[in-house]
Amino acid sequence: MEHTVAGAIKEWRKHNKVIGQVKISYKKILRKCRELSLAGGKYREYQGLCAKYQCARLTAVTKGLVPFEDKPFKAYLQ
């Protein structure tokens, strides 16, 4: 019984629009905090490289692929 209730709650959270919007807002705020914490224009430099390199531009316009700018910060900016 416990597994069924837990599964139902998980599905409800997954499809709840309010919770989805809260998660999106949280991710946007977290990203801005990370951008602000990068000293010396490192993030702007990274954005420039993303605009310059063809593979990054192609990834940004290809549906279903995550753009380079949206990749995790710690993978590229540390």
N, C-alpha and C. Protein backbone atom coordinates (compact mmCIF):
# COMPACT_ATOMS: atom_id res chain seq x y z
N MET A 1 0.82 -1.19 0.00
CA MET A 1 0.00 0.00 0.00
C MET A 1 0.87 1.26 0.00
N GLU A 2 1.95 1.25 0.77
CA GLU A 2 2.82 2.42 0.86
C GLU A 2 3.43 2.77 -0.49
N HIS A 3 3.82 1.74 -1.24
CA HIS A 3 4.43 1.98 -2.55
C HIS A 3 3.43 2.62 -3.50
N THR A 4 2.19 2.22 -3.41
CA THR A 4 1.15 2.77 -4.28
C THR A 4 0.90 4.24 -3.96
N VAL A 5 0.84 4.58 -2.70
CA VAL A 5 0.62 5.96 -2.29
C VAL A 5 1.81 6.82 -2.70
N ALA A 6 3.00 6.33 -2.45
CA ALA A 6 4.21 7.08 -2.81
C ALA A 6 4.28 7.28 -4.32
N GLY A 7 3.94 6.25 -5.07
CA GLY A 7 3.94 6.37 -6.53
C GLY A 7 2.91 7.36 -7.03
N ALA A 8 1.73 7.34 -6.39
CA ALA A 8 0.67 8.27 -6.78
C ALA A 8 1.07 9.71 -6.48
N ILE A 9 1.70 9.93 -5.34
CA ILE A 9 2.16 11.28 -4.99
C ILE A 9 3.23 11.75 -5.97
N LYS A 10 4.13 10.86 -6.32
CA LYS A 10 5.20 11.19 -7.27
C LYS A 10 4.60 11.57 -8.63
N GLU A 11 3.64 10.82 -9.11
CA GLU A 11 2.98 11.12 -10.38
C GLU A 11 2.22 12.44 -10.31
N TRP A 12 1.56 12.70 -9.19
CA TRP A 12 0.83 13.94 -9.03
C TRP A 12 1.77 15.14 -9.09
N ARG A 13 2.92 15.03 -8.38
CA ARG A 13 3.90 16.12 -8.40
C ARG A 13 4.45 16.33 -9.80
N LYS A 14 4.66 15.24 -10.52
CA LYS A 14 5.23 15.31 -11.87
C LYS A 14 4.30 16.06 -12.82
N HIS A 15 2.99 15.89 -12.67
CA HIS A 15 2.02 16.47 -13.60
C HIS A 15 1.34 17.73 -13.06
N ASN A 16 1.67 18.16 -11.86
CA ASN A 16 1.07 19.35 -11.27
C ASN A 16 1.73 20.59 -11.86
N LYS A 17 0.93 21.46 -12.47
CA LYS A 17 1.46 22.65 -13.14
C LYS A 17 2.06 23.66 -12.16
N VAL A 18 1.48 23.79 -11.00
CA VAL A 18 2.00 24.75 -10.01
C VAL A 18 3.39 24.31 -9.55
N ILE A 19 3.54 23.05 -9.24
CA ILE A 19 4.85 22.54 -8.81
C ILE A 19 5.85 22.67 -9.95
N GLY A 20 5.42 22.42 -11.18
CA GLY A 20 6.30 22.58 -12.33
C GLY A 20 6.79 24.01 -12.48
N GLN A 21 5.89 24.99 -12.30
CA GLN A 21 6.28 26.39 -12.40
C GLN A 21 7.23 26.80 -11.28
N VAL A 22 7.00 26.27 -10.08
CA VAL A 22 7.89 26.57 -8.96
C VAL A 22 9.29 26.03 -9.25
N LYS A 23 9.37 24.81 -9.79
CA LYS A 23 10.67 24.22 -10.10
C LYS A 23 11.39 25.01 -11.19
N ILE A 24 10.65 25.47 -12.20
CA ILE A 24 11.26 26.26 -13.27
C ILE A 24 11.77 27.59 -12.71
N SER A 25 10.96 28.24 -11.88
CA SER A 25 11.38 29.51 -11.28
C SER A 25 12.62 29.32 -10.41
N TYR A 26 12.64 28.25 -9.64
CA TYR A 26 13.79 27.97 -8.79
C TYR A 26 15.05 27.77 -9.64
N LYS A 27 14.93 27.04 -10.74
CA LYS A 27 16.09 26.80 -11.60
C LYS A 27 16.58 28.11 -12.22
N LYS A 28 15.66 29.00 -12.59
CA LYS A 28 16.06 30.30 -13.15
C LYS A 28 16.81 31.13 -12.11
N ILE A 29 16.29 31.15 -10.89
CA ILE A 29 16.94 31.90 -9.81
C ILE A 29 18.31 31.32 -9.50
N LEU A 30 18.40 30.00 -9.44
CA LEU A 30 19.67 29.34 -9.18
C LEU A 30 20.69 29.66 -10.26
N ARG A 31 20.25 29.67 -11.52
CA ARG A 31 21.15 30.00 -12.62
C ARG A 31 21.66 31.44 -12.50
N LYS A 32 20.76 32.38 -12.19
CA LYS A 32 21.18 33.77 -12.02
C LYS A 32 22.18 33.92 -10.88
N CYS A 33 21.97 33.20 -9.79
CA CYS A 33 22.92 33.24 -8.68
C CYS A 33 24.28 32.72 -9.11
N ARG A 34 24.29 31.67 -9.89
CA ARG A 34 25.56 31.13 -10.38
C ARG A 34 26.24 32.10 -11.33
N GLU A 35 25.45 32.75 -12.19
CA GLU A 35 26.02 33.73 -13.11
C GLU A 35 26.65 34.89 -12.33
N LEU A 36 25.97 35.36 -11.30
CA LEU A 36 26.48 36.48 -10.51
C LEU A 36 27.74 36.13 -9.75
N SER A 37 27.84 34.87 -9.35
CA SER A 37 29.00 34.46 -8.55
C SER A 37 30.26 34.28 -9.39
N LEU A 38 30.12 34.21 -10.71
CA LEU A 38 31.30 34.03 -11.56
C LEU A 38 32.02 35.36 -11.71
N ALA A 39 33.23 35.41 -11.26
CA ALA A 39 34.00 36.66 -11.29
C ALA A 39 34.78 36.78 -12.60
N GLY A 40 35.08 38.01 -12.97
CA GLY A 40 35.95 38.26 -14.10
C GLY A 40 35.34 38.03 -15.47
N GLY A 41 34.05 37.98 -15.56
CA GLY A 41 33.42 37.83 -16.87
C GLY A 41 33.56 36.45 -17.48
N LYS A 42 33.82 35.46 -16.66
CA LYS A 42 34.01 34.11 -17.17
C LYS A 42 32.75 33.58 -17.87
N TYR A 43 31.59 33.91 -17.33
CA TYR A 43 30.35 33.45 -17.96
C TYR A 43 30.12 34.16 -19.29
N ARG A 44 30.39 35.47 -19.34
CA ARG A 44 30.24 36.20 -20.60
C ARG A 44 31.20 35.66 -21.65
N GLU A 45 32.39 35.31 -21.23
CA GLU A 45 33.36 34.71 -22.14
C GLU A 45 32.83 33.38 -22.68
N TYR A 46 32.25 32.60 -21.81
CA TYR A 46 31.67 31.31 -22.21
C TYR A 46 30.51 31.52 -23.19
N GLN A 47 29.65 32.53 -22.93
CA GLN A 47 28.56 32.82 -23.85
C GLN A 47 29.10 33.24 -25.22
N GLY A 48 30.17 34.01 -25.23
CA GLY A 48 30.79 34.41 -26.49
C GLY A 48 31.31 33.22 -27.27
N LEU A 49 31.92 32.28 -26.56
CA LEU A 49 32.40 31.07 -27.23
C LEU A 49 31.24 30.25 -27.79
N CYS A 50 30.15 30.20 -27.05
CA CYS A 50 28.97 29.47 -27.53
C CYS A 50 28.41 30.12 -28.80
N ALA A 51 28.47 31.44 -28.87
CA ALA A 51 27.99 32.14 -30.06
C ALA A 51 28.95 31.98 -31.23
N LYS A 52 30.23 31.77 -30.92
CA LYS A 52 31.26 31.70 -31.95
C LYS A 52 31.37 30.31 -32.60
N TYR A 53 31.33 29.27 -31.80
CA TYR A 53 31.57 27.92 -32.31
C TYR A 53 30.34 27.36 -33.00
N GLN A 54 30.58 26.79 -34.17
CA GLN A 54 29.49 26.27 -34.98
C GLN A 54 28.75 25.12 -34.30
N CYS A 55 29.48 24.23 -33.63
CA CYS A 55 28.81 23.10 -32.97
C CYS A 55 27.85 23.60 -31.89
N ALA A 56 28.22 24.66 -31.19
CA ALA A 56 27.34 25.22 -30.16
C ALA A 56 26.12 25.87 -30.79
N ARG A 57 26.31 26.55 -31.91
CA ARG A 57 25.17 27.18 -32.60
C ARG A 57 24.21 26.12 -33.14
N LEU A 58 24.75 25.05 -33.71
CA LEU A 58 23.90 23.99 -34.24
C LEU A 58 23.14 23.27 -33.14
N THR A 59 23.79 23.07 -32.01
CA THR A 59 23.13 22.42 -30.88
C THR A 59 21.98 23.29 -30.37
N ALA A 60 22.16 24.60 -30.37
CA ALA A 60 21.14 25.51 -29.85
C ALA A 60 19.86 25.49 -30.69
N VAL A 61 19.98 25.27 -32.00
CA VAL A 61 18.80 25.31 -32.87
C VAL A 61 18.22 23.93 -33.17
N THR A 62 18.89 22.88 -32.72
CA THR A 62 18.42 21.52 -32.98
C THR A 62 17.44 21.11 -31.88
N LYS A 63 16.25 20.77 -32.30
CA LYS A 63 15.22 20.37 -31.34
C LYS A 63 15.61 19.05 -30.68
N GLY A 64 15.45 19.00 -29.36
CA GLY A 64 15.75 17.79 -28.61
C GLY A 64 17.14 17.76 -28.01
N LEU A 65 18.00 18.70 -28.39
CA LEU A 65 19.35 18.78 -27.82
C LEU A 65 19.43 19.95 -26.86
N VAL A 66 20.18 19.78 -25.80
CA VAL A 66 20.36 20.85 -24.82
C VAL A 66 21.45 21.79 -25.34
N PRO A 67 21.16 23.09 -25.44
CA PRO A 67 22.17 24.04 -25.90
C PRO A 67 23.37 24.08 -24.95
N PHE A 68 24.54 24.41 -25.49
CA PHE A 68 25.75 24.48 -24.68
C PHE A 68 25.57 25.43 -23.50
N GLU A 69 24.87 26.57 -23.72
CA GLU A 69 24.69 27.56 -22.66
C GLU A 69 23.88 27.01 -21.49
N ASP A 70 23.07 26.00 -21.74
CA ASP A 70 22.24 25.43 -20.68
C ASP A 70 22.88 24.23 -20.01
N LYS A 71 24.07 23.86 -20.42
CA LYS A 71 24.75 22.72 -19.81
C LYS A 71 25.14 23.09 -18.38
N PRO A 72 25.39 22.11 -17.55
CA PRO A 72 25.74 22.41 -16.15
C PRO A 72 26.96 23.32 -16.04
N PHE A 73 26.87 24.27 -15.14
CA PHE A 73 27.95 25.23 -14.96
C PHE A 73 29.24 24.54 -14.53
N LYS A 74 29.15 23.60 -13.63
CA LYS A 74 30.36 23.01 -13.09
C LYS A 74 31.12 22.19 -14.11
N ALA A 75 30.47 21.79 -15.19
CA ALA A 75 31.15 21.01 -16.22
C ALA A 75 32.09 21.90 -17.04
N TYR A 76 31.76 23.18 -17.18
CA TYR A 76 32.54 24.04 -18.06
C TYR A 76 33.15 25.26 -17.39
N LEU A 77 32.55 25.74 -16.33
CA LEU A 77 32.94 27.04 -15.81
C LEU A 77 33.67 27.01 -14.48
N GLN A 78 34.34 25.92 -14.17
CA GLN A 78 35.08 25.88 -12.91
C GLN A 78 36.52 25.56 -13.13
